[in-house]
């Protein structure tokens, strides 16, 4: 009830505040427009939702572990693709990453990658010559370089970029399951699986590059979980470090995944053994970018200035510091909120697995709150906070009566996708 009231307050108070367009969103607290519609993906979305609600909980118990992981990814793909295609191919997939503020607008400027990286900082500020589009300026160049490299291998354009984001982004559910199984236990991971599929967050995973960021961070945590629990610690530790290093060059705000990484180390039994491998892997990406001439710290300093030159300097902190949390409620859904409540109040047993999962989720919540208080996440957190939100979704494993809660998750996602035209 409190979460529902928070969302209602954010909508009503936001509409009142936004009379002078100071929030810079059209349907507070979300960056969206009110536009009820249906589309090509609507029938598929309804079928996928009904199938997961009806059969998801039982299949999650019966399938072998590997088949469960494959089924989770397949169902996530079907759910996310169908939601994206509610808007049609161009509006829902191919056109998302080609708009004026997006990464694909800058692909042609990376013909000489080292030279562009050396000159990257000179185009961040709004008053600089040939300033970067908003999302290019607002992120380290690793994000844009991903799409540059796709273009170089013949997968250029919005269609391939959108497909890449959806295919990679949906693997985040698999990574979360692996981490929960290693750090807590398999039964909790199995109960969480259908909820990771039908998360309302899929509305944005399928339409923004943050879905790709979510997958990178999720696999970094999953590999670290494997390492600290003794599964090929050298290789998984190196892999985790490499992905954490890449994370830092995809989005400045994702440096807060250090909080979640610290929680994983705390929960592991071989943390000291794997740390050298993690550190060695982590250093690879920063060293490569430094050698190529990109200065991360200077770019971040300029990004802060650019942020306040644009909408960040107009959007009121006093509203967004709590309305951002309403966005989080919408992307994680009522089942996650109810699960977090049970996680915080229920007595922990089951060999401590419940408590270990609660620690993992608490670390994600702490990282999210730090991002909120920083003032650098005012609005658009329905996509910006996707990487953190995915680590709150396993809270649904604590709920009895999963089918009713799954139905609530699906209904929320379908309503959001069919009543609103989201910015991503």
Protein backbone atom coordinates (compact mmCIF):
# COMPACT_ATOMS: atom_id res chain seq x y z
CA UNK A 1 0.00 0.00 0.00
CA UNK A 2 2.80 2.43 0.89
CA UNK A 3 4.49 1.76 -2.46
CA UNK A 4 1.24 2.38 -4.34
CA UNK A 5 0.76 5.64 -2.46
CA UNK A 6 4.32 6.65 -3.30
CA UNK A 7 3.66 6.15 -7.02
CA UNK A 8 0.35 8.00 -6.80
CA UNK A 9 1.97 10.90 -4.95
CA UNK A 10 4.79 11.06 -7.49
CA UNK A 11 2.23 11.23 -10.32
CA UNK A 12 -0.08 13.81 -8.75
CA UNK A 13 2.54 16.05 -7.18
CA UNK A 14 4.71 15.70 -10.28
CA UNK A 15 1.86 16.83 -12.54
CA UNK A 16 1.34 19.89 -10.33
CA UNK A 17 5.06 20.77 -10.22
CA UNK A 18 5.49 20.20 -13.95
CA UNK A 19 3.16 23.02 -14.93
CA UNK A 20 6.30 25.01 -15.81
CA UNK A 21 8.01 21.96 -17.39
CA UNK A 22 10.67 21.94 -14.67
CA UNK A 23 10.58 18.15 -14.34
CA UNK A 24 11.36 17.69 -18.06
CA UNK A 25 9.20 14.57 -18.27
CA UNK A 26 5.77 14.40 -19.83
CA UNK A 27 4.15 11.86 -17.51
CA UNK A 28 5.82 12.10 -14.10
CA UNK A 29 7.53 10.27 -12.62
CA UNK A 30 8.25 8.48 -15.92
CA UNK A 31 9.69 9.97 -19.07
CA UNK A 32 6.69 9.01 -21.18
CA UNK A 33 3.57 10.24 -22.94
CA UNK A 34 0.01 9.15 -22.27
CA UNK A 35 -0.98 7.29 -25.46
CA UNK A 36 -3.16 4.17 -25.09
CA UNK A 37 -2.38 1.81 -27.96
CA UNK A 38 -1.93 -1.77 -29.08
CA UNK A 39 0.52 -3.14 -31.61
CA UNK A 40 1.99 -6.18 -33.33
CA UNK A 41 3.54 -7.44 -30.10
CA UNK A 42 0.33 -7.30 -28.06
CA UNK A 43 -0.97 -10.84 -28.76
CA UNK A 44 2.44 -12.38 -28.11
CA UNK A 45 2.85 -10.42 -24.87
CA UNK A 46 -0.50 -11.67 -23.60
CA UNK A 47 0.34 -15.28 -24.50
CA UNK A 48 3.79 -15.14 -22.87
CA UNK A 49 2.38 -13.55 -19.71
CA UNK A 50 -0.38 -16.15 -19.42
CA UNK A 51 2.03 -19.03 -20.03
CA UNK A 52 4.56 -17.87 -17.42
CA UNK A 53 1.85 -17.25 -14.83
CA UNK A 54 0.26 -20.66 -15.47
CA UNK A 55 3.34 -22.83 -15.89
CA UNK A 56 6.33 -20.82 -14.66
CA UNK A 57 6.29 -21.79 -10.95
CA UNK A 58 5.86 -25.51 -11.61
CA UNK A 59 8.45 -25.63 -14.39
CA UNK A 60 10.92 -23.74 -12.21
CA UNK A 61 10.71 -26.59 -9.72
CA UNK A 62 10.73 -29.52 -12.18
CA UNK A 63 13.29 -28.58 -14.82
CA UNK A 64 16.94 -29.48 -14.44
CA UNK A 65 19.09 -26.51 -13.50
CA UNK A 66 20.59 -26.04 -16.97
CA UNK A 67 17.22 -26.35 -18.65
CA UNK A 68 15.79 -23.85 -16.21
CA UNK A 69 18.49 -21.34 -17.16
CA UNK A 70 17.77 -21.85 -20.87
CA UNK A 71 14.01 -21.64 -20.30
CA UNK A 72 14.41 -18.45 -18.29
CA UNK A 73 16.42 -16.82 -21.05
CA UNK A 74 14.01 -18.01 -23.76
CA UNK A 75 10.98 -16.73 -21.83
CA UNK A 76 12.74 -13.43 -21.10
CA UNK A 77 13.53 -13.04 -24.79
CA UNK A 78 9.93 -13.73 -25.75
CA UNK A 79 8.55 -11.35 -23.11
CA UNK A 80 10.95 -8.50 -23.90
CA UNK A 81 10.65 -8.83 -27.69
CA UNK A 82 6.86 -8.89 -27.52
CA UNK A 83 6.74 -5.81 -25.30
CA UNK A 84 9.14 -3.94 -27.58
CA UNK A 85 7.09 -4.84 -30.65
CA UNK A 86 3.92 -3.43 -29.12
CA UNK A 87 5.31 -0.16 -30.52
CA UNK A 88 6.11 -1.73 -33.89
CA UNK A 89 9.51 -2.51 -35.38
CA UNK A 90 10.81 1.04 -35.83
CA UNK A 91 9.35 2.76 -32.76
CA UNK A 92 9.94 -0.24 -30.51
CA UNK A 93 13.29 -1.58 -31.71
CA UNK A 94 15.10 -0.06 -34.70
CA UNK A 95 14.51 3.60 -33.95
CA UNK A 96 15.29 3.66 -30.26
CA UNK A 97 19.06 4.04 -30.46
CA UNK A 98 19.07 6.33 -33.50
CA UNK A 99 17.35 9.39 -31.99
CA UNK A 100 19.20 12.68 -31.66
CA UNK A 101 20.51 12.02 -28.13
CA UNK A 102 21.58 8.40 -28.66
CA UNK A 103 24.81 6.52 -29.30
CA UNK A 104 24.34 5.64 -32.96
CA UNK A 105 24.41 9.34 -33.84
CA UNK A 106 28.12 9.36 -33.00
CA UNK A 107 29.25 6.11 -34.65
CA UNK A 108 30.60 7.86 -37.76
CA UNK A 109 32.79 10.11 -35.62
CA UNK A 110 34.82 7.09 -34.39
CA UNK A 111 36.56 6.31 -37.70
CA UNK A 112 39.91 6.72 -35.93
CA UNK A 113 39.18 5.31 -32.49
CA UNK A 114 42.42 6.31 -30.68
CA UNK A 115 42.22 9.87 -32.04
CA UNK A 116 38.55 10.15 -31.07
CA UNK A 117 39.26 8.89 -27.54
CA UNK A 118 42.08 11.38 -27.10
CA UNK A 119 39.73 14.16 -28.16
CA UNK A 120 36.63 12.81 -26.40
CA UNK A 121 36.72 15.23 -23.44
CA UNK A 122 36.81 18.26 -25.74
CA UNK A 123 33.23 17.62 -26.91
CA UNK A 124 31.42 16.88 -23.63
CA UNK A 125 30.26 20.37 -22.62
CA UNK A 126 27.23 21.87 -24.33
CA UNK A 127 29.17 24.95 -25.41
CA UNK A 128 32.05 22.93 -26.88
CA UNK A 129 32.41 22.61 -30.66
CA UNK A 130 30.59 19.59 -32.12
CA UNK A 131 29.42 18.56 -28.66
CA UNK A 132 28.43 14.94 -28.25
CA UNK A 133 24.78 13.86 -28.15
CA UNK A 134 23.44 13.69 -24.60
CA UNK A 135 23.94 9.98 -24.01
CA UNK A 136 27.39 9.91 -25.60
CA UNK A 137 28.53 12.84 -23.46
CA UNK A 138 26.86 11.37 -20.38
CA UNK A 139 28.75 8.08 -20.48
CA UNK A 140 32.33 6.93 -20.84
CA UNK A 141 33.11 5.96 -24.44
CA UNK A 142 32.82 2.22 -23.78
CA UNK A 143 29.09 2.52 -24.34
CA UNK A 144 29.40 4.16 -27.75
CA UNK A 145 32.33 1.96 -28.74
CA UNK A 146 30.11 -1.10 -28.34
CA UNK A 147 27.92 0.13 -31.19
CA UNK A 148 30.95 1.29 -33.18
CA UNK A 149 32.35 -2.24 -33.03
CA UNK A 150 28.99 -3.72 -34.01
CA UNK A 151 29.02 -1.42 -37.02
CA UNK A 152 32.59 -2.49 -37.89
CA UNK A 153 31.57 -6.18 -38.05
CA UNK A 154 28.62 -5.45 -40.32
CA UNK A 155 25.88 -5.11 -37.72
CA UNK A 156 25.33 -1.37 -38.10
CA UNK A 157 22.08 0.53 -37.79
CA UNK A 158 19.22 0.72 -35.34
CA UNK A 159 17.78 -2.72 -36.04
CA UNK A 160 20.94 -4.60 -35.16
CA UNK A 161 21.62 -2.30 -32.19
CA UNK A 162 18.12 -2.84 -30.80
CA UNK A 163 18.36 -6.60 -31.30
CA UNK A 164 21.77 -6.64 -29.59
CA UNK A 165 20.39 -4.80 -26.56
CA UNK A 166 17.43 -7.16 -26.23
CA UNK A 167 19.42 -10.37 -26.71
CA UNK A 168 22.17 -9.36 -24.28
CA UNK A 169 19.88 -7.60 -21.80
CA UNK A 170 17.67 -10.64 -21.30
CA UNK A 171 20.65 -12.74 -20.22
CA UNK A 172 20.74 -10.69 -17.01
CA UNK A 173 17.97 -12.90 -15.61
CA UNK A 174 20.18 -15.97 -16.08
CA UNK A 175 23.15 -14.28 -14.40
CA UNK A 176 21.04 -13.28 -11.38
CA UNK A 177 19.80 -16.88 -11.00
CA UNK A 178 23.37 -18.20 -11.06
CA UNK A 179 24.47 -15.71 -8.41
CA UNK A 180 21.48 -16.39 -6.14
CA UNK A 181 22.06 -20.14 -6.38
CA UNK A 182 25.74 -19.82 -5.44
CA UNK A 183 25.36 -17.22 -2.70
CA UNK A 184 22.02 -18.32 -1.19
CA UNK A 185 20.60 -21.62 -2.48
CA UNK A 186 19.01 -23.27 -5.48
CA UNK A 187 15.46 -23.37 -4.15
CA UNK A 188 15.39 -19.58 -3.74
CA UNK A 189 16.78 -19.14 -7.25
CA UNK A 190 14.13 -21.46 -8.68
CA UNK A 191 11.31 -19.58 -6.94
CA UNK A 192 12.69 -16.28 -8.25
CA UNK A 193 13.04 -17.44 -11.87
CA UNK A 194 9.50 -16.68 -13.16
CA UNK A 195 9.62 -13.24 -11.54
CA UNK A 196 12.88 -12.42 -13.30
CA UNK A 197 11.10 -13.22 -16.57
CA UNK A 198 7.94 -11.16 -16.04
CA UNK A 199 9.64 -8.15 -14.46
CA UNK A 200 8.06 -4.84 -15.53
CA UNK A 201 11.67 -3.73 -16.07
CA UNK A 202 11.51 -5.61 -19.39
CA UNK A 203 9.61 -2.62 -20.80
CA UNK A 204 12.90 -0.68 -20.65
CA UNK A 205 15.40 -3.53 -21.07
CA UNK A 206 14.11 -3.87 -24.62
CA UNK A 207 14.35 -0.21 -25.52
CA UNK A 208 17.52 1.26 -24.01
CA UNK A 209 21.24 0.55 -23.93
CA UNK A 210 20.87 0.31 -20.16
CA UNK A 211 19.50 -3.18 -20.79
CA UNK A 212 22.93 -4.08 -22.17
CA UNK A 213 24.61 -2.42 -19.18
CA UNK A 214 22.35 -4.52 -16.94
CA UNK A 215 23.61 -7.71 -18.52
CA UNK A 216 27.28 -6.73 -18.19
CA UNK A 217 26.92 -5.88 -14.51
CA UNK A 218 24.79 -8.97 -13.82
CA UNK A 219 27.40 -11.28 -15.33
CA UNK A 220 30.18 -9.49 -13.45
CA UNK A 221 28.38 -10.23 -10.18
CA UNK A 222 27.54 -13.80 -11.23
CA UNK A 223 31.14 -14.59 -12.15
CA UNK A 224 32.32 -13.08 -8.88
CA UNK A 225 29.78 -15.23 -7.02
CA UNK A 226 31.15 -18.31 -8.79
CA UNK A 227 34.71 -17.31 -7.94
CA UNK A 228 34.16 -16.69 -4.22
CA UNK A 229 32.29 -19.98 -3.85
CA UNK A 230 35.09 -21.99 -5.39
CA UNK A 231 33.99 -22.59 -9.00
CA UNK A 232 37.15 -22.24 -11.10
CA UNK A 233 38.17 -19.20 -9.04
CA UNK A 234 41.06 -18.11 -11.25
CA UNK A 235 39.05 -17.95 -14.47
CA UNK A 236 35.79 -16.72 -12.99
CA UNK A 237 37.67 -14.17 -10.88
CA UNK A 238 39.47 -12.84 -13.95
CA UNK A 239 36.20 -12.74 -15.88
CA UNK A 240 34.44 -10.90 -13.08
CA UNK A 241 37.22 -8.34 -12.86
CA UNK A 242 37.24 -7.83 -16.63
CA UNK A 243 33.48 -7.17 -16.67
CA UNK A 244 33.64 -4.88 -13.64
CA UNK A 245 36.35 -2.93 -15.46
CA UNK A 246 34.15 -2.70 -18.56
CA UNK A 247 31.24 -1.59 -16.36
CA UNK A 248 33.16 1.48 -15.24
CA UNK A 249 33.61 2.47 -18.90
CA UNK A 250 29.95 1.96 -19.80
CA UNK A 251 28.44 4.31 -17.21
CA UNK A 252 29.96 6.49 -14.51
CA UNK A 253 27.13 5.69 -12.10
CA UNK A 254 27.80 1.96 -12.32
CA UNK A 255 30.94 2.43 -10.24
CA UNK A 256 28.45 1.92 -7.39
CA UNK A 257 28.45 -1.76 -8.26
CA UNK A 258 31.48 -1.82 -5.98
CA UNK A 259 28.92 -1.95 -3.15
CA UNK A 260 27.31 -5.10 -4.57
CA UNK A 261 30.70 -6.59 -5.34
CA UNK A 262 31.75 -6.01 -1.72
CA UNK A 263 28.62 -7.84 -0.53
CA UNK A 264 29.46 -10.81 -2.77
CA UNK A 265 32.98 -10.93 -1.35
CA UNK A 266 31.51 -10.81 2.15
CA UNK A 267 29.20 -13.73 1.39
CA UNK A 268 31.93 -15.83 -0.23
CA UNK A 269 34.32 -18.24 1.46
CA UNK A 270 37.36 -17.73 -0.79
CA UNK A 271 37.45 -13.96 -1.06
CA UNK A 272 41.17 -13.58 -0.34
CA UNK A 273 42.11 -16.25 -2.85
CA UNK A 274 40.20 -14.67 -5.73
CA UNK A 275 40.99 -11.00 -5.10
CA UNK A 276 44.29 -10.98 -7.04
CA UNK A 277 42.52 -12.45 -10.09
CA UNK A 278 39.64 -9.98 -9.81
CA UNK A 279 42.02 -7.03 -9.52
CA UNK A 280 44.12 -8.25 -12.46
CA UNK A 281 41.02 -8.59 -14.62
CA UNK A 282 39.65 -5.25 -13.51
CA UNK A 283 42.77 -3.35 -14.57
CA UNK A 284 42.65 -4.50 -18.20
CA UNK A 285 39.96 -2.14 -19.52
CA UNK A 286 41.14 1.01 -17.69
CA UNK A 287 44.72 0.41 -18.87
CA UNK A 288 43.59 -0.03 -22.48
CA UNK A 289 41.55 3.19 -22.40
CA UNK A 290 44.37 5.09 -20.68
CA UNK A 291 46.88 3.93 -23.31
CA UNK A 292 44.46 5.02 -26.04
CA UNK A 293 44.30 8.48 -24.48
CA UNK A 294 40.96 8.65 -22.63
CA UNK A 295 41.01 10.37 -19.23
CA UNK A 296 38.11 8.92 -17.19
CA UNK A 297 38.40 11.37 -14.28
CA UNK A 298 38.55 14.48 -16.47
CA UNK A 299 35.62 13.22 -18.53
CA UNK A 300 33.57 12.68 -15.38
CA UNK A 301 34.40 16.17 -14.12
CA UNK A 302 33.20 17.65 -17.40
CA UNK A 303 30.13 15.40 -17.41
CA UNK A 304 29.02 16.84 -14.06
CA UNK A 305 29.17 20.31 -15.61
CA UNK A 306 27.31 19.10 -18.72
CA UNK A 307 24.64 17.49 -16.52
CA UNK A 308 23.82 20.80 -14.88
CA UNK A 309 23.97 22.63 -18.22
CA UNK A 310 21.05 20.52 -19.37
CA UNK A 311 17.91 19.07 -17.77
CA UNK A 312 19.83 18.10 -14.63
CA UNK A 313 20.22 21.76 -13.76
CA UNK A 314 16.47 22.34 -14.03
CA UNK A 315 14.93 19.24 -12.49
CA UNK A 316 14.25 19.86 -8.77
CA UNK A 317 16.21 17.62 -6.40
CA UNK A 318 13.50 17.94 -3.75
CA UNK A 319 11.02 16.10 -5.97
CA UNK A 320 13.25 13.55 -7.66
CA UNK A 321 15.02 12.39 -4.52
CA UNK A 322 11.83 10.54 -3.57
CA UNK A 323 10.06 10.28 -6.94
CA UNK A 324 13.00 8.27 -8.28
CA UNK A 325 11.97 5.59 -5.79
CA UNK A 326 8.49 5.58 -7.31
CA UNK A 327 10.12 4.78 -10.66
CA UNK A 328 11.88 1.87 -8.96
CA UNK A 329 8.55 0.56 -7.69
CA UNK A 330 7.21 0.63 -11.24
CA UNK A 331 10.12 -1.25 -12.80
CA UNK A 332 10.37 -3.88 -10.06
CA UNK A 333 6.63 -4.29 -9.47
CA UNK A 334 4.41 -5.07 -6.48
CA UNK A 335 5.82 -8.57 -6.00
CA UNK A 336 9.32 -7.19 -5.40
CA UNK A 337 8.02 -4.63 -2.92
CA UNK A 338 6.09 -7.31 -1.03
CA UNK A 339 9.08 -9.64 -1.13
CA UNK A 340 11.42 -6.98 0.25
CA UNK A 341 8.97 -6.39 3.08
CA UNK A 342 8.99 -10.09 3.94
CA UNK A 343 12.77 -10.23 3.62
CA UNK A 344 13.07 -7.47 6.19
CA UNK A 345 10.60 -8.92 8.70
CA UNK A 346 10.59 -12.70 8.39
CA UNK A 347 12.73 -14.87 10.68
CA UNK A 348 15.65 -16.22 8.67
CA UNK A 349 16.27 -19.92 8.58
CA UNK A 350 16.93 -22.51 5.90
CA UNK A 351 20.63 -22.76 6.72
CA UNK A 352 20.99 -18.98 6.46
CA UNK A 353 20.15 -18.86 2.73
CA UNK A 354 17.38 -16.32 3.30
CA UNK A 355 19.75 -14.06 5.18
CA UNK A 356 22.43 -14.32 2.50
CA UNK A 357 19.95 -13.37 -0.20
CA UNK A 358 18.76 -10.48 1.95
CA UNK A 359 22.35 -9.20 2.25
CA UNK A 360 22.77 -9.31 -1.53
CA UNK A 361 19.53 -7.39 -2.08
CA UNK A 362 20.37 -4.91 0.67
CA UNK A 363 23.65 -4.09 -1.08
CA UNK A 364 21.75 -3.33 -4.30
CA UNK A 365 19.31 -1.15 -2.40
CA UNK A 366 22.18 0.69 -0.72
CA UNK A 367 23.87 1.35 -4.08
CA UNK A 368 20.59 2.61 -5.48
CA UNK A 369 20.06 4.95 -2.52
CA UNK A 370 23.57 6.37 -2.85
CA UNK A 371 22.86 7.08 -6.52
CA UNK A 372 19.62 8.75 -5.51
CA UNK A 373 21.15 11.01 -2.88
CA UNK A 374 23.99 12.02 -5.20
CA UNK A 375 21.67 14.23 -7.25
CA UNK A 376 23.10 12.81 -10.48
CA UNK A 377 20.06 10.60 -11.05
CA UNK A 378 17.19 13.05 -11.29
CA UNK A 379 14.53 11.38 -13.46
CA UNK A 380 14.83 8.66 -16.10
CA UNK A 381 15.74 6.18 -13.38
CA UNK A 382 13.28 3.70 -14.87
CA UNK A 383 16.13 2.91 -17.28
CA UNK A 384 19.24 4.26 -15.49
CA UNK A 385 18.66 2.07 -12.42
CA UNK A 386 17.87 -1.14 -14.32
CA UNK A 387 21.23 -2.72 -13.37
CA UNK A 388 20.49 -2.21 -9.66
CA UNK A 389 16.81 -3.09 -9.91
CA UNK A 390 17.52 -6.60 -11.20
CA UNK A 391 19.16 -7.46 -7.89
CA UNK A 392 15.98 -6.54 -6.03
CA UNK A 393 13.76 -8.88 -8.11
CA UNK A 394 14.80 -12.10 -6.28
CA UNK A 395 12.90 -10.80 -3.24
CA UNK A 396 9.84 -12.35 -4.90
CA UNK A 397 11.24 -15.75 -3.91
CA UNK A 398 10.02 -15.08 -0.37
CA UNK A 399 6.37 -14.81 -1.43
CA UNK A 400 3.68 -17.49 -1.07
CA UNK A 401 1.10 -17.86 -3.85
CA UNK A 402 3.46 -17.00 -6.71
CA UNK A 403 0.88 -17.12 -9.51
CA UNK A 404 -1.17 -14.22 -8.15
CA UNK A 405 1.96 -12.14 -7.72
CA UNK A 406 3.22 -13.07 -11.19
CA UNK A 407 -0.11 -11.98 -12.64
CA UNK A 408 0.23 -8.63 -10.86
CA UNK A 409 3.73 -8.18 -12.33
CA UNK A 410 2.51 -8.99 -15.83
CA UNK A 411 -0.51 -6.71 -15.60
CA UNK A 412 1.63 -3.79 -14.48
CA UNK A 413 4.10 -4.31 -17.34
CA UNK A 414 1.30 -4.63 -19.90
CA UNK A 415 -0.44 -1.51 -18.64
CA UNK A 416 2.76 0.53 -18.70
CA UNK A 417 3.58 -0.65 -22.21
CA UNK A 418 0.08 -0.17 -23.67
CA UNK A 419 -1.00 3.06 -21.96
CA UNK A 420 2.27 4.98 -22.27
CA UNK A 421 4.78 5.72 -24.99
CA UNK A 422 7.99 5.54 -23.02
CA UNK A 423 11.04 7.59 -23.85
CA UNK A 424 12.97 4.34 -24.34
